[in-house]
Protein backbone atom coordinates (compact mmCIF):
# COMPACT_ATOMS: atom_id res chain seq x y z
CA MET A 1 5.97 24.19 11.09
CA ASN A 2 6.59 27.58 9.98
CA ARG A 3 10.18 26.83 10.06
CA THR A 4 9.75 24.77 6.94
CA MET A 5 9.28 27.72 4.36
CA PRO A 6 13.19 28.50 4.56
CA LEU A 7 13.41 25.36 2.72
CA THR A 8 11.09 25.69 0.23
CA HIS A 9 12.52 28.58 -0.75
CA LYS A 10 15.45 26.43 -0.96
CA LEU A 11 14.00 24.14 -2.98
CA GLU A 12 12.37 26.62 -5.62
CA GLN A 13 16.45 27.87 -5.80
CA ALA A 14 17.24 24.56 -6.11
CA VAL A 15 14.61 23.96 -9.20
CA GLU A 16 15.35 27.31 -11.07
CA LEU A 17 19.72 25.96 -11.07
CA LEU A 18 19.01 22.63 -12.34
CA GLU A 19 16.63 23.83 -15.16
CA ARG A 20 18.79 26.17 -16.83
CA ARG A 21 21.15 23.44 -17.60
CA PHE A 22 18.58 20.38 -17.44
CA LEU A 23 15.93 21.16 -20.79
CA GLU A 24 12.41 19.58 -20.53
CA ARG A 25 13.25 18.14 -17.35
CA SER A 26 11.43 20.31 -15.00
CA GLU A 27 8.82 17.60 -13.78
CA LEU A 28 12.04 15.09 -13.23
CA ILE A 29 14.27 17.82 -10.98
CA ARG A 30 10.86 18.22 -8.92
CA LEU A 31 10.55 14.56 -8.53
CA LEU A 32 14.24 13.58 -7.65
CA LEU A 33 14.36 16.70 -5.30
CA LEU A 34 11.17 15.25 -3.79
CA GLY A 35 12.88 11.45 -3.18
CA ILE A 36 15.67 13.07 -1.39
CA MET A 37 14.03 14.50 1.22
CA SER A 38 11.74 11.61 1.50
CA GLY A 39 14.66 9.28 1.90
CA GLU A 40 13.24 7.45 -1.30
CA ASN A 41 15.71 5.52 -4.23
CA ALA A 42 14.94 6.83 -7.59
CA LEU A 43 15.57 4.71 -11.07
CA LEU A 44 15.78 6.52 -14.49
CA ILE A 45 14.89 4.38 -17.51
CA GLY A 46 16.20 5.47 -20.63
CA PRO A 47 18.81 5.40 -23.56
CA PRO A 48 22.56 6.78 -23.56
CA GLY A 49 23.04 10.35 -23.94
CA THR A 50 20.04 11.41 -21.90
CA ALA A 51 22.27 13.10 -18.76
CA LYS A 52 21.04 10.45 -16.31
CA SER A 53 24.79 10.39 -14.51
CA GLN A 54 24.83 14.36 -14.67
CA MET A 55 21.68 14.67 -13.13
CA ALA A 56 22.70 12.93 -10.57
CA ARG A 57 25.42 14.78 -9.95
CA ALA A 58 24.47 17.82 -10.17
CA VAL A 59 21.53 16.86 -7.66
CA ALA A 60 24.37 15.96 -4.97
CA GLN A 61 26.26 19.16 -5.87
CA LEU A 62 23.43 21.13 -4.11
CA PHE A 63 23.46 19.38 -0.67
CA GLY A 64 27.71 19.44 -0.86
CA SER A 65 27.89 16.08 -0.19
CA GLU A 66 31.42 15.16 -0.27
CA HIS A 67 30.28 11.54 0.49
CA TRP A 68 29.39 10.75 -3.27
CA PHE A 69 29.67 7.19 -4.90
CA GLU A 70 29.31 6.68 -8.46
CA TYR A 71 29.73 3.07 -10.54
CA LEU A 72 29.43 1.57 -14.10
CA LEU A 73 27.76 -1.69 -13.03
CA THR A 74 28.53 -4.51 -15.56
CA ARG A 75 28.17 -8.36 -15.30
CA PHE A 76 31.81 -8.54 -14.52
CA THR A 77 31.69 -6.16 -11.88
CA THR A 78 33.17 -7.80 -8.02
CA PRO A 79 32.14 -6.91 -4.82
CA ASP A 80 35.18 -5.51 -3.61
CA GLU A 81 34.44 -2.69 -6.54
CA ILE A 82 31.68 -1.52 -4.91
CA PHE A 83 31.41 -2.59 -1.10
CA GLY A 84 35.20 -1.95 -0.56
CA PRO A 85 38.29 -4.47 -0.32
CA VAL A 86 38.73 -7.02 2.38
CA SER A 87 40.79 -6.20 5.12
CA LEU A 88 44.27 -8.21 4.90
CA GLN A 89 44.49 -6.67 8.72
CA GLN A 90 41.07 -8.86 9.57
CA LEU A 91 41.63 -11.40 7.62
CA LYS A 92 44.35 -12.50 9.27
CA GLN A 93 42.35 -12.57 12.22
CA ASP A 94 39.85 -15.16 10.48
CA GLN A 95 37.48 -12.03 10.38
CA TYR A 96 36.08 -11.21 6.60
CA VAL A 97 35.61 -7.29 6.98
CA ARG A 98 35.84 -4.88 4.19
CA LYS A 99 37.27 -1.81 4.09
CA THR A 100 33.79 0.46 3.02
CA ALA A 101 35.58 4.19 3.85
CA GLY A 102 34.88 5.71 -0.12
CA TYR A 103 32.87 3.07 -1.01
CA LEU A 104 28.85 2.69 -1.69
CA PRO A 105 28.12 1.95 2.41
CA SER A 106 30.04 5.20 3.57
CA ALA A 107 28.20 7.37 0.53
CA GLN A 108 25.54 10.14 1.31
CA PHE A 109 24.49 10.43 -2.17
CA ALA A 110 25.37 7.50 -4.82
CA PHE A 111 24.48 6.98 -8.45
CA LEU A 112 24.64 3.31 -9.68
CA ASP A 113 24.63 3.21 -13.74
CA GLU A 114 23.30 -0.08 -15.69
CA ILE A 115 22.32 -1.23 -12.00
CA PHE A 116 20.21 -4.68 -13.36
CA LYS A 117 23.55 -6.10 -14.86
CA ALA A 118 24.90 -6.36 -10.98
CA ASN A 119 25.24 -9.67 -9.93
CA SER A 120 23.80 -11.89 -7.22
CA ALA A 121 26.86 -11.47 -4.96
CA ILE A 122 25.97 -7.38 -5.00
CA LEU A 123 22.24 -7.94 -5.34
CA ASN A 124 22.10 -9.02 -1.90
CA SER A 125 23.98 -6.57 0.36
CA LEU A 126 22.54 -4.00 -2.33
CA LEU A 127 18.69 -5.45 -0.92
CA SER A 128 19.77 -5.03 2.52
CA ILE A 129 21.25 -1.08 1.57
CA LEU A 130 18.12 0.24 -0.58
CA ASN A 131 15.87 -0.51 1.74
CA GLU A 132 16.75 -0.81 5.33
CA ARG A 133 20.01 0.96 5.19
CA VAL A 134 22.07 -1.37 6.54
CA TYR A 135 24.98 -2.92 4.95
CA PHE A 136 26.24 -6.53 6.47
CA ASN A 137 30.53 -6.64 6.58
CA GLY A 138 31.36 -9.76 7.58
CA ARG A 139 29.62 -10.37 11.07
CA GLU A 140 28.94 -6.91 11.96
CA LYS A 141 25.68 -4.94 10.90
CA GLU A 142 26.82 -1.40 9.44
CA ALA A 143 24.28 1.54 9.29
CA VAL A 144 24.70 3.05 5.89
CA PRO A 145 24.50 6.70 6.00
CA LEU A 146 23.16 6.66 2.40
CA LEU A 147 20.10 9.88 1.51
CA PHE A 148 19.33 9.12 -1.67
CA LEU A 149 20.80 6.51 -4.32
CA MET A 150 19.83 7.18 -7.73
CA ALA A 151 19.58 4.51 -10.45
CA ALA A 152 19.71 4.23 -13.81
CA SER A 153 19.29 1.84 -16.50
CA ASN A 154 18.67 1.14 -20.56
CA GLU A 155 16.21 -1.38 -20.01
CA LEU A 156 14.05 -2.88 -17.56
CA PRO A 157 14.99 -5.80 -15.75
CA ASP A 158 14.42 -9.83 -16.64
CA GLU A 159 12.17 -11.68 -14.99
CA ASP A 160 14.61 -12.73 -12.36
CA GLU A 161 13.54 -12.98 -8.37
CA GLN A 162 16.43 -10.82 -7.38
CA LEU A 163 16.45 -8.50 -10.30
CA THR A 164 12.48 -8.17 -9.23
CA ALA A 165 13.13 -7.55 -5.53
CA LEU A 166 15.68 -5.09 -6.61
CA TYR A 167 13.43 -3.20 -8.68
CA ASP A 168 10.69 -2.90 -6.29
CA ARG A 169 13.17 -0.82 -3.88
CA PHE A 170 12.97 1.80 -6.54
CA LEU A 171 9.58 3.65 -5.35
CA ILE A 172 10.34 6.80 -7.89
CA ARG A 173 10.68 5.57 -11.26
CA TYR A 174 11.02 7.96 -14.52
CA GLU A 175 11.35 7.66 -18.25
CA VAL A 176 14.10 9.66 -19.75
CA SER A 177 14.26 10.28 -23.53
CA TYR A 178 15.81 12.41 -25.78
CA LEU A 179 14.95 16.63 -26.25
CA GLN A 180 11.89 16.78 -28.64
CA HIS A 181 11.56 20.72 -28.83
CA ALA A 182 13.65 23.03 -31.23
CA SER A 183 14.28 25.55 -28.75
CA SER A 184 15.72 23.01 -26.19
CA TYR A 185 18.42 22.61 -28.90
CA GLU A 186 18.97 25.76 -29.47
CA LYS A 187 19.67 26.38 -25.39
CA MET A 188 21.27 23.11 -25.64
CA PHE A 189 24.94 24.60 -27.16
CA SER A 190 25.13 27.21 -24.47
CA LEU A 191 23.92 25.74 -21.54
CA PRO A 192 25.97 26.82 -17.95
CA ASN A 193 28.49 24.12 -16.88
CA GLU A 194 30.31 26.10 -14.07
CA PRO A 195 29.97 23.96 -10.38
CA LEU A 196 26.64 24.22 -9.09
CA PRO A 197 26.47 26.13 -5.37
CA VAL A 198 25.68 24.78 -2.35
CA VAL A 199 22.25 25.03 -1.62
CA PHE A 200 20.98 22.36 1.43
CA SER A 201 22.29 21.32 4.13
CA LEU A 202 22.31 17.30 5.16
CA HIS A 203 20.64 18.80 8.18
CA ASP A 204 17.46 20.25 5.98
CA VAL A 205 16.66 16.65 5.09
CA LYS A 206 16.94 15.44 8.75
CA ASP A 207 14.47 17.94 9.69
CA ILE A 208 12.22 17.92 6.89
CA GLN A 209 11.87 13.82 7.60
CA ARG A 210 11.34 14.05 11.17
CA GLU A 211 8.58 16.77 10.49
CA ALA A 212 6.90 13.84 8.26
CA SER A 213 6.85 11.94 10.97
CA ARG A 214 4.79 13.98 12.46
CA VAL A 215 2.55 14.48 9.57
CA SER A 216 -0.91 12.88 9.60
CA ILE A 217 -3.27 11.55 6.43
CA PRO A 218 -6.94 12.31 6.85
CA GLU A 219 -9.23 9.38 6.49
CA SER A 220 -10.17 11.04 2.99
CA LEU A 221 -7.26 10.69 1.83
CA ILE A 222 -6.38 6.80 2.83
CA TYR A 223 -9.96 6.36 1.12
CA PHE A 224 -8.71 7.93 -1.88
CA LEU A 225 -5.56 5.38 -1.74
CA TYR A 226 -7.43 2.31 -1.16
CA ARG A 227 -9.83 3.56 -4.23
CA LEU A 228 -6.70 4.24 -6.55
CA LYS A 229 -5.92 0.51 -5.04
CA GLN A 230 -8.98 -1.13 -6.06
CA ASP A 231 -8.80 0.97 -9.65
CA MET A 232 -5.71 -0.93 -10.33
CA GLU A 233 -6.21 -3.91 -9.45
CA GLU A 234 -9.59 -3.84 -11.69
CA LYS A 235 -7.35 -3.20 -14.33
CA GLU A 236 -4.92 -6.29 -12.99
CA PHE A 237 -2.05 -3.51 -11.85
CA VAL A 238 -0.66 -4.53 -8.62
CA LEU A 239 1.99 -2.83 -6.01
CA SER A 240 3.29 -4.47 -2.90
CA ASP A 241 2.08 -3.51 0.60
CA ARG A 242 5.37 -2.00 1.14
CA ARG A 243 5.28 0.48 -1.40
CA TRP A 244 2.05 1.56 -0.54
CA SER A 245 3.28 2.73 2.78
CA LYS A 246 5.97 4.47 1.07
CA ILE A 247 3.45 6.59 -1.37
CA ALA A 248 2.11 7.65 2.00
CA HIS A 249 5.22 8.53 3.28
CA VAL A 250 6.32 11.17 0.25
CA TRP A 251 2.75 12.13 0.64
CA LYS A 252 3.71 13.37 4.06
CA THR A 253 7.12 14.66 3.20
CA SER A 254 5.52 16.75 1.00
CA ALA A 255 2.63 17.94 3.48
CA ALA A 256 6.28 18.56 5.74
CA LEU A 257 7.73 20.76 3.09
CA HIS A 258 4.46 22.64 2.23
CA GLY A 259 4.27 23.88 6.43
CA ARG A 260 0.79 21.54 6.54
CA GLU A 261 0.26 19.34 9.36
CA SER A 262 -1.79 17.15 7.31
CA VAL A 263 -1.58 15.60 4.52
CA SER A 264 -3.56 17.74 1.14
CA ILE A 265 -4.26 16.52 -2.22
CA TRP A 266 -2.10 18.44 -3.52
CA ASP A 267 0.69 17.01 -2.07
CA THR A 268 -0.74 13.63 -3.90
CA VAL A 269 0.42 15.01 -7.64
CA PHE A 270 3.41 12.67 -8.16
CA THR A 271 1.86 9.44 -7.49
CA PRO A 272 1.66 8.09 -11.17
CA HIS A 273 5.12 8.07 -10.90
CA MET A 274 5.68 5.49 -8.14
CA LEU A 275 2.73 3.04 -9.53
CA TRP A 276 4.19 1.68 -12.85
CA ASP A 277 6.06 -1.22 -13.79
CA VAL A 278 6.80 -0.56 -17.32
CA PRO A 279 6.99 3.24 -19.06
CA GLU A 280 3.92 1.76 -21.20
CA ASP A 281 1.87 1.62 -17.88
CA LEU A 282 2.27 5.55 -17.08
CA PRO A 283 -0.78 7.08 -19.47
CA VAL A 284 -3.37 4.37 -17.75
CA LEU A 285 -2.35 4.54 -14.24
CA ARG A 286 -2.23 8.51 -14.93
CA GLU A 287 -6.01 8.36 -16.19
CA LEU A 288 -6.66 6.45 -13.05
CA PHE A 289 -4.78 8.70 -10.86
CA ASP A 290 -6.92 11.59 -12.29
CA GLN A 291 -10.00 10.63 -12.24
CA ARG A 292 -9.71 10.18 -8.41
CA PHE A 293 -7.71 13.29 -7.83
CA THR A 294 -10.57 15.44 -9.47
CA GLU A 295 -12.90 13.77 -7.24
CA GLN A 296 -10.90 14.47 -4.12
CA LEU A 297 -10.28 18.32 -5.01
CA LYS A 298 -14.16 18.52 -5.76
CA ALA A 299 -15.00 16.89 -1.86
CA ASP A 300 -12.25 19.02 -0.63
CA MET A 301 -13.42 22.09 -2.35
CA GLU A 302 -17.56 21.70 -1.21
CA HIS A 303 -17.02 23.95 1.74
CA ASP A 304 -15.97 27.12 -0.63
CA LEU A 305 -18.06 25.82 -3.80
CA PRO A 306 -20.93 23.17 -2.40
CA LEU A 307 -21.77 21.78 -5.66
CA ARG A 308 -22.82 18.27 -3.97
CA ARG A 309 -25.21 20.40 -1.52
CA CYS A 310 -26.90 22.43 -4.32
CA ARG A 311 -27.28 19.52 -6.80
CA GLN A 312 -28.72 17.45 -4.09
CA THR A 313 -31.47 20.65 -3.54
CA ALA A 314 -31.65 20.82 -7.50
CA GLU A 315 -32.35 17.22 -8.10
CA LYS A 316 -34.95 17.10 -5.14
CA TRP A 317 -37.60 19.82 -6.40
CA MET A 318 -36.77 18.83 -10.03
CA GLU A 319 -37.87 15.96 -8.88
CA LYS A 320 -41.26 16.98 -7.47
CA GLU A 321 -41.43 20.06 -10.29
CA ALA A 322 -44.31 18.30 -12.11
CA ASP A 323 -46.52 17.90 -9.52
CA LEU A 324 -45.99 21.32 -7.52
CA HIS A 325 -46.57 23.02 -11.18
CA ALA A 326 -49.93 20.98 -11.50
CA PHE A 327 -50.82 22.49 -7.96
CA GLN A 328 -49.96 25.88 -9.04
CA PHE A 329 -52.21 25.52 -12.37
CA LYS A 330 -55.82 23.82 -10.39
CA LYS A 331 -54.99 26.82 -8.19
CA GLU A 332 -55.08 29.29 -10.99
CA ILE A 333 -58.24 27.56 -12.76
CA GLY A 334 -60.05 27.10 -9.76
CA ALA A 335 -60.01 23.67 -9.62
CA LYS A 336 -61.22 21.72 -6.33
CA LEU A 337 -58.35 20.14 -4.53
CA GLY A 338 -58.95 17.65 -0.80
CA LYS A 339 -58.32 20.18 2.20
CA GLU A 340 -55.73 17.51 3.42
CA ALA A 341 -53.77 17.44 -0.56
CA ALA A 342 -54.12 21.52 -0.53
CA GLU A 343 -52.60 21.90 2.70
CA ARG A 344 -49.73 19.25 1.95
CA TYR A 345 -48.80 21.26 -1.73
CA ARG A 346 -49.27 24.64 0.10
CA SER A 347 -46.23 23.55 2.74
CA LEU A 348 -44.34 21.78 -0.62
CA LEU A 349 -44.52 24.99 -2.11
CA ASP A 350 -42.97 27.02 0.78
CA GLU A 351 -40.29 24.65 1.62
CA CYS A 352 -39.32 24.66 -2.37
CA ARG A 353 -39.50 28.35 -2.19
CA LEU A 354 -37.45 28.71 0.78
CA GLU A 355 -34.71 25.40 -0.27
CA LEU A 356 -34.51 27.16 -3.87
CA GLU A 357 -34.25 30.98 -3.15
CA GLU A 358 -31.64 30.28 -0.36
CA THR A 359 -29.80 27.64 -2.16
CA GLY A 360 -29.72 29.71 -5.54
CA ARG A 361 -28.37 32.97 -3.42
CA ASP A 362 -25.45 31.11 -2.25
CA LEU A 363 -24.51 29.72 -5.01
CA ARG A 364 -24.46 32.68 -7.01
CA ASN A 365 -22.46 34.71 -4.45
CA ARG A 366 -20.45 31.93 -3.72
CA LEU A 367 -19.54 31.62 -8.15
CA LEU A 368 -18.98 35.21 -7.84
CA GLN A 369 -16.43 34.76 -5.23
CA TRP A 370 -14.71 31.84 -7.32
CA GLN A 371 -14.43 33.98 -10.38
CA GLN A 372 -12.24 36.64 -8.16
CA LEU A 373 -10.25 33.46 -7.43
CA GLU A 374 -9.84 32.57 -11.28
CA GLN A 375 -8.65 36.01 -11.98
CA ASP A 376 -4.70 34.57 -10.36
CA LEU A 377 -5.64 31.22 -10.34
CA THR A 378 -1.98 29.99 -11.30
CA ALA A 379 -0.59 31.78 -8.10
CA TYR A 380 -3.62 30.11 -5.57
CA VAL A 381 -2.32 26.41 -7.37
CA ARG A 382 1.50 27.23 -6.98
CA GLU A 383 0.95 28.37 -3.21
CA LYS A 384 -0.62 24.52 -2.88
CA ASN A 385 2.50 22.73 -3.83
CA ARG A 386 5.28 24.62 -4.82
CA LEU A 387 7.01 21.77 -6.83
CA LEU A 388 4.16 21.37 -9.13
CA PRO A 389 5.92 22.05 -12.82
CA ASN A 390 2.44 23.03 -14.48
CA PRO A 391 0.12 24.35 -12.47
CA GLU A 392 -1.92 25.56 -15.41
CA LYS A 393 -2.99 22.10 -15.70
CA TYR A 394 -4.62 22.45 -12.56
CA THR A 395 -6.23 25.45 -12.92
CA VAL A 396 -8.18 23.74 -15.49
CA LYS A 397 -9.57 21.23 -13.25
CA TYR A 398 -10.75 24.56 -11.35
CA ALA A 399 -12.54 26.18 -14.17
CA HIS A 400 -14.68 23.06 -14.80
CA LEU A 401 -15.81 22.66 -11.03
CA ARG A 402 -17.10 26.47 -11.78
CA ILE A 403 -19.05 25.73 -14.45
CA GLU A 404 -20.38 22.71 -13.22
CA GLY A 405 -21.63 25.27 -10.59
CA GLU A 406 -22.90 27.36 -13.30
CA ARG A 407 -24.73 24.25 -14.51
CA ILE A 408 -26.48 23.48 -11.17
CA LEU A 409 -27.41 27.12 -10.97
CA GLN A 410 -29.20 26.83 -13.54
CA MET A 411 -31.04 24.21 -12.78
CA LEU A 412 -31.95 25.51 -9.99
CA GLN A 413 -33.50 28.80 -11.71
CA GLY A 414 -35.10 26.40 -13.66
CA VAL A 415 -37.29 24.83 -11.18
CA TYR A 416 -38.43 28.16 -9.83
CA ARG A 417 -39.13 29.56 -13.03
CA THR A 418 -41.16 26.63 -13.34
CA VAL A 419 -42.89 26.37 -10.39
CA PHE A 420 -43.22 30.04 -9.14
CA ASP A 421 -43.48 31.51 -13.34
CA ARG A 422 -41.21 34.01 -12.20
CA GLU A 423 -37.14 34.47 -11.81
CA LEU A 424 -35.31 33.21 -8.77
CA PRO A 425 -34.64 36.26 -7.17
CA GLY A 426 -30.91 37.28 -6.09
CA THR A 427 -29.60 34.89 -8.87
CA ASP A 428 -28.59 37.27 -11.21
CA TYR A 429 -25.32 35.53 -12.82
CA ASP A 430 -23.89 36.43 -16.33
CA TYR A 431 -22.90 33.13 -18.07
CA THR A 432 -21.27 34.44 -20.78
CA LEU A 433 -17.86 35.47 -18.74
């Protein structure tokens, strides 16, 4: 899958171009690009004047698409305005067919503003276009070439069955707010406004989707997804099966973009923006996801830093520490012990010494290698997912793993010191680094 590497460089170029003109939108930019490559729809929620429509146009420019459709919906908008006028020629032949050229059914990229103000006549057709990429034109079923539809709204939909169904079609959801930082206001008045260059071809999207269809999801990440679902349901957050399936599809697309044949935990980082129904739920859902992410990351790193195995060894001998120490003390004072008991404790001591020394030396050496890795941890994390807007957030997780490893090493050294009254050989380590 090395052929995806040129596309990765295109993604980095696209991110850089968009970040120059859309301030404080780094995460959103990456999420939209991932959505396009996945063929998933995106919904932006936010007040007027937050550059939602401008963002949609800019993203479409990167693909050089001439088949662009954009419309501001109101409750008075008619189907003719979205899907095209009825063909008079066909009507004379008792055929109710729309001329869709230049309208949404013929578009590859589209932006619908205030989408939840659409009336039922429009909504019914939108549902099939958004999900199946099909438009029912009279008696005919037309395939829609739509690659990506971005919608925007100032508010969430009311409790209406049709609007709820429409809302569920948008896997990616993002709340957009006004600029927050003073530095952004300084730059806002000198942003570039020239047309963006064409970075991608439409074949790039089709190629990556073809590669994504070949990507597998390991059992550990299927279980990760199921545990996340359970965590959410405990807090009364419920997602449709369709959304869970689409989330897995986005993961596979991310893996394909990074040249992986199997999904990695790093392909899941944008998942919280596919979980919420109202923006206020995002912090809770992000916390639930983050807990599971850290657990999975720790499990995935077990080969390089076997914390679980080392902790099990430390806890195993900590349980026997008092008995082994008592046996050593009785030997020193010449206390009499039964032959069978003495033999059993001597065997345990040999096993204890061997396991503690082997585990302690192995853990110490791995921690030293880990310290070398931490010298350029940001680059290491960025290689895992080139779309990460803030890799520093994840480098902290690695530091926490190292600290946990250091605590386990101290546990091993402490047990050895208690039982054998000397330092654990080969485990010198500077804990002050």
